[in-house]
Amino acid sequence: MKKIIVKVQPFTMQQTVFAYEDGNKIDAIETNFDNFCESILFLSEKYNITEVELLGIANFSQWIGEKLVKAELEKYNKNTLQIKYM
């Protein structure tokens, strides 16, 4: 199973986005909030990943998740990402 995991830290400028397959890290990229959605979409496309786990403060993670869905709809005109909040 492939998934993207991000520990969302609202007061940290750089965020690390991890891609995992069967529990093993296959990639990681550093990003900021200006490029956050694009970075996740890049990894999801590169590795054919549809599951994204956002860990962190619930309200902030929810806001980021909504931005991510909107960015995916604008870029691909569809929503395939399944976002889970932990």
N, C-alpha and C. Protein backbone atom coordinates (compact mmCIF):
# COMPACT_ATOMS: atom_id res chain seq x y z
N MET A 1 0.84 -1.19 0.00
CA MET A 1 0.00 0.00 0.00
C MET A 1 0.89 1.24 0.00
N LYS A 2 0.54 2.16 -0.86
CA LYS A 2 1.29 3.42 -0.96
C LYS A 2 0.49 4.54 -0.32
N LYS A 3 1.21 5.45 0.34
CA LYS A 3 0.54 6.62 0.90
C LYS A 3 1.53 7.74 1.14
N ILE A 4 1.00 8.92 1.24
CA ILE A 4 1.78 10.11 1.57
C ILE A 4 1.44 10.49 3.00
N ILE A 5 2.46 10.78 3.78
CA ILE A 5 2.24 11.18 5.18
C ILE A 5 2.95 12.51 5.42
N VAL A 6 2.21 13.43 6.03
CA VAL A 6 2.77 14.74 6.36
C VAL A 6 2.38 15.09 7.79
N LYS A 7 3.36 15.40 8.61
CA LYS A 7 3.09 15.95 9.93
C LYS A 7 3.03 17.46 9.75
N VAL A 8 1.82 18.00 9.70
CA VAL A 8 1.61 19.42 9.42
C VAL A 8 1.93 20.23 10.67
N GLN A 9 2.89 21.13 10.53
CA GLN A 9 3.33 21.97 11.64
C GLN A 9 3.12 23.43 11.23
N PRO A 10 2.06 24.05 11.72
CA PRO A 10 1.69 25.39 11.25
C PRO A 10 2.72 26.48 11.50
N PHE A 11 3.58 26.34 12.48
CA PHE A 11 4.53 27.41 12.79
C PHE A 11 5.95 27.08 12.30
N THR A 12 6.06 26.09 11.45
CA THR A 12 7.34 25.70 10.86
C THR A 12 7.30 26.06 9.38
N MET A 13 8.30 26.79 8.92
CA MET A 13 8.31 27.24 7.52
C MET A 13 8.43 26.08 6.54
N GLN A 14 9.31 25.15 6.79
CA GLN A 14 9.52 24.02 5.90
C GLN A 14 8.76 22.80 6.42
N GLN A 15 8.07 22.14 5.52
CA GLN A 15 7.34 20.93 5.84
C GLN A 15 7.98 19.78 5.07
N THR A 16 7.99 18.60 5.65
CA THR A 16 8.52 17.43 4.95
C THR A 16 7.36 16.53 4.57
N VAL A 17 7.30 16.18 3.29
CA VAL A 17 6.27 15.31 2.75
C VAL A 17 6.93 13.97 2.44
N PHE A 18 6.40 12.90 3.04
CA PHE A 18 6.97 11.57 2.87
C PHE A 18 6.06 10.70 2.01
N ALA A 19 6.65 9.92 1.13
CA ALA A 19 5.93 8.90 0.37
C ALA A 19 6.36 7.54 0.89
N TYR A 20 5.40 6.68 1.19
CA TYR A 20 5.67 5.35 1.71
C TYR A 20 5.03 4.28 0.84
N GLU A 21 5.70 3.14 0.77
CA GLU A 21 5.12 1.96 0.13
C GLU A 21 5.36 0.78 1.05
N ASP A 22 4.28 0.15 1.46
CA ASP A 22 4.35 -1.00 2.37
C ASP A 22 5.19 -0.71 3.62
N GLY A 23 5.03 0.49 4.15
CA GLY A 23 5.71 0.88 5.38
C GLY A 23 7.14 1.35 5.21
N ASN A 24 7.64 1.35 3.98
CA ASN A 24 9.00 1.80 3.71
C ASN A 24 8.99 3.15 3.02
N LYS A 25 9.83 4.05 3.50
CA LYS A 25 9.91 5.38 2.88
C LYS A 25 10.54 5.23 1.51
N ILE A 26 9.86 5.76 0.48
CA ILE A 26 10.39 5.70 -0.88
C ILE A 26 10.82 7.07 -1.40
N ASP A 27 10.36 8.12 -0.73
CA ASP A 27 10.75 9.47 -1.14
C ASP A 27 10.36 10.45 -0.05
N ALA A 28 11.03 11.60 -0.06
CA ALA A 28 10.70 12.69 0.86
C ALA A 28 11.13 13.98 0.20
N ILE A 29 10.28 15.00 0.34
CA ILE A 29 10.63 16.31 -0.20
C ILE A 29 10.32 17.38 0.84
N GLU A 30 11.14 18.41 0.84
CA GLU A 30 10.92 19.57 1.69
C GLU A 30 10.12 20.59 0.89
N THR A 31 9.15 21.20 1.54
CA THR A 31 8.34 22.21 0.88
C THR A 31 7.90 23.26 1.89
N ASN A 32 7.38 24.36 1.40
CA ASN A 32 6.79 25.36 2.27
C ASN A 32 5.29 25.40 1.98
N PHE A 33 4.56 26.20 2.70
CA PHE A 33 3.11 26.20 2.52
C PHE A 33 2.68 26.81 1.18
N ASP A 34 3.54 27.63 0.56
CA ASP A 34 3.21 28.17 -0.76
C ASP A 34 3.17 27.07 -1.81
N ASN A 35 4.00 26.05 -1.66
CA ASN A 35 4.09 24.96 -2.64
C ASN A 35 3.61 23.62 -2.08
N PHE A 36 2.96 23.66 -0.96
CA PHE A 36 2.58 22.44 -0.24
C PHE A 36 1.70 21.53 -1.09
N CYS A 37 0.63 22.05 -1.63
CA CYS A 37 -0.30 21.24 -2.41
C CYS A 37 0.37 20.70 -3.67
N GLU A 38 1.14 21.54 -4.33
CA GLU A 38 1.83 21.11 -5.55
C GLU A 38 2.81 19.98 -5.25
N SER A 39 3.47 20.04 -4.11
CA SER A 39 4.42 18.99 -3.72
C SER A 39 3.71 17.66 -3.50
N ILE A 40 2.58 17.70 -2.82
CA ILE A 40 1.82 16.47 -2.59
C ILE A 40 1.29 15.93 -3.91
N LEU A 41 0.77 16.80 -4.76
CA LEU A 41 0.27 16.34 -6.06
C LEU A 41 1.40 15.75 -6.90
N PHE A 42 2.59 16.34 -6.82
CA PHE A 42 3.75 15.82 -7.55
C PHE A 42 4.06 14.39 -7.11
N LEU A 43 4.16 14.17 -5.79
CA LEU A 43 4.46 12.82 -5.29
C LEU A 43 3.34 11.84 -5.59
N SER A 44 2.11 12.29 -5.48
CA SER A 44 0.99 11.38 -5.76
C SER A 44 0.99 10.94 -7.22
N GLU A 45 1.33 11.85 -8.11
CA GLU A 45 1.39 11.50 -9.53
C GLU A 45 2.62 10.63 -9.83
N LYS A 46 3.77 11.00 -9.26
CA LYS A 46 5.01 10.27 -9.51
C LYS A 46 4.93 8.81 -9.10
N TYR A 47 4.28 8.54 -7.95
CA TYR A 47 4.22 7.18 -7.42
C TYR A 47 2.83 6.56 -7.49
N ASN A 48 1.91 7.23 -8.16
CA ASN A 48 0.53 6.73 -8.29
C ASN A 48 -0.09 6.46 -6.91
N ILE A 49 -0.07 7.47 -6.06
CA ILE A 49 -0.58 7.38 -4.69
C ILE A 49 -1.90 8.14 -4.59
N THR A 50 -2.88 7.52 -3.92
CA THR A 50 -4.17 8.19 -3.74
C THR A 50 -4.50 8.46 -2.28
N GLU A 51 -3.72 7.92 -1.35
CA GLU A 51 -4.01 8.12 0.08
C GLU A 51 -3.03 9.11 0.69
N VAL A 52 -3.57 10.11 1.37
CA VAL A 52 -2.76 11.13 2.03
C VAL A 52 -3.18 11.20 3.50
N GLU A 53 -2.22 11.09 4.40
CA GLU A 53 -2.48 11.23 5.83
C GLU A 53 -1.87 12.54 6.30
N LEU A 54 -2.71 13.38 6.89
CA LEU A 54 -2.26 14.65 7.46
C LEU A 54 -2.31 14.52 8.97
N LEU A 55 -1.17 14.64 9.62
CA LEU A 55 -1.08 14.55 11.07
C LEU A 55 -0.85 15.94 11.63
N GLY A 56 -1.52 16.26 12.69
CA GLY A 56 -1.31 17.55 13.33
C GLY A 56 -2.59 18.13 13.89
N ILE A 57 -2.57 19.43 14.14
CA ILE A 57 -3.72 20.14 14.70
C ILE A 57 -4.93 19.97 13.78
N ALA A 58 -6.03 19.51 14.33
CA ALA A 58 -7.20 19.12 13.54
C ALA A 58 -7.70 20.23 12.62
N ASN A 59 -7.94 21.42 13.15
CA ASN A 59 -8.50 22.50 12.32
C ASN A 59 -7.54 22.91 11.21
N PHE A 60 -6.28 22.98 11.51
CA PHE A 60 -5.29 23.38 10.51
C PHE A 60 -5.13 22.29 9.45
N SER A 61 -5.09 21.04 9.87
CA SER A 61 -4.99 19.92 8.92
C SER A 61 -6.21 19.87 8.02
N GLN A 62 -7.37 20.14 8.57
CA GLN A 62 -8.61 20.16 7.78
C GLN A 62 -8.54 21.26 6.72
N TRP A 63 -8.05 22.42 7.10
CA TRP A 63 -7.91 23.54 6.17
C TRP A 63 -6.94 23.18 5.04
N ILE A 64 -5.81 22.56 5.40
CA ILE A 64 -4.84 22.13 4.40
C ILE A 64 -5.47 21.07 3.49
N GLY A 65 -6.21 20.15 4.04
CA GLY A 65 -6.87 19.12 3.25
C GLY A 65 -7.83 19.70 2.24
N GLU A 66 -8.58 20.72 2.65
CA GLU A 66 -9.52 21.38 1.73
C GLU A 66 -8.77 22.08 0.61
N LYS A 67 -7.64 22.72 0.93
CA LYS A 67 -6.81 23.36 -0.10
C LYS A 67 -6.26 22.31 -1.07
N LEU A 68 -5.90 21.17 -0.55
CA LEU A 68 -5.35 20.10 -1.38
C LEU A 68 -6.40 19.57 -2.36
N VAL A 69 -7.61 19.35 -1.89
CA VAL A 69 -8.70 18.89 -2.76
C VAL A 69 -8.97 19.92 -3.85
N LYS A 70 -9.01 21.19 -3.47
CA LYS A 70 -9.24 22.26 -4.44
C LYS A 70 -8.13 22.30 -5.49
N ALA A 71 -6.88 22.17 -5.06
CA ALA A 71 -5.74 22.20 -5.99
C ALA A 71 -5.81 21.01 -6.95
N GLU A 72 -6.19 19.85 -6.44
CA GLU A 72 -6.30 18.67 -7.30
C GLU A 72 -7.41 18.85 -8.33
N LEU A 73 -8.54 19.39 -7.90
CA LEU A 73 -9.64 19.64 -8.83
C LEU A 73 -9.25 20.65 -9.90
N GLU A 74 -8.52 21.69 -9.51
CA GLU A 74 -8.10 22.70 -10.48
C GLU A 74 -7.08 22.13 -11.47
N LYS A 75 -6.19 21.26 -11.00
CA LYS A 75 -5.14 20.73 -11.87
C LYS A 75 -5.63 19.60 -12.77
N TYR A 76 -6.40 18.67 -12.21
CA TYR A 76 -6.79 17.47 -12.95
C TYR A 76 -8.28 17.39 -13.27
N ASN A 77 -9.06 18.31 -12.74
CA ASN A 77 -10.52 18.32 -12.92
C ASN A 77 -11.17 17.04 -12.38
N LYS A 78 -10.54 16.47 -11.34
CA LYS A 78 -11.10 15.30 -10.67
C LYS A 78 -10.49 15.22 -9.27
N ASN A 79 -11.14 14.43 -8.43
CA ASN A 79 -10.66 14.24 -7.06
C ASN A 79 -10.46 12.76 -6.82
N THR A 80 -9.21 12.32 -6.76
CA THR A 80 -8.90 10.91 -6.50
C THR A 80 -8.23 10.72 -5.15
N LEU A 81 -7.72 11.79 -4.55
CA LEU A 81 -7.03 11.67 -3.27
C LEU A 81 -8.01 11.40 -2.13
N GLN A 82 -7.64 10.45 -1.31
CA GLN A 82 -8.39 10.16 -0.10
C GLN A 82 -7.57 10.73 1.05
N ILE A 83 -8.10 11.75 1.69
CA ILE A 83 -7.36 12.43 2.76
C ILE A 83 -7.86 11.94 4.11
N LYS A 84 -6.91 11.52 4.92
CA LYS A 84 -7.22 11.06 6.28
C LYS A 84 -6.55 12.00 7.26
N TYR A 85 -7.26 12.31 8.33
CA TYR A 85 -6.75 13.22 9.35
C TYR A 85 -6.46 12.42 10.61
N MET A 86 -5.24 12.54 11.09
CA MET A 86 -4.82 11.75 12.26
C MET A 86 -4.52 12.68 13.41
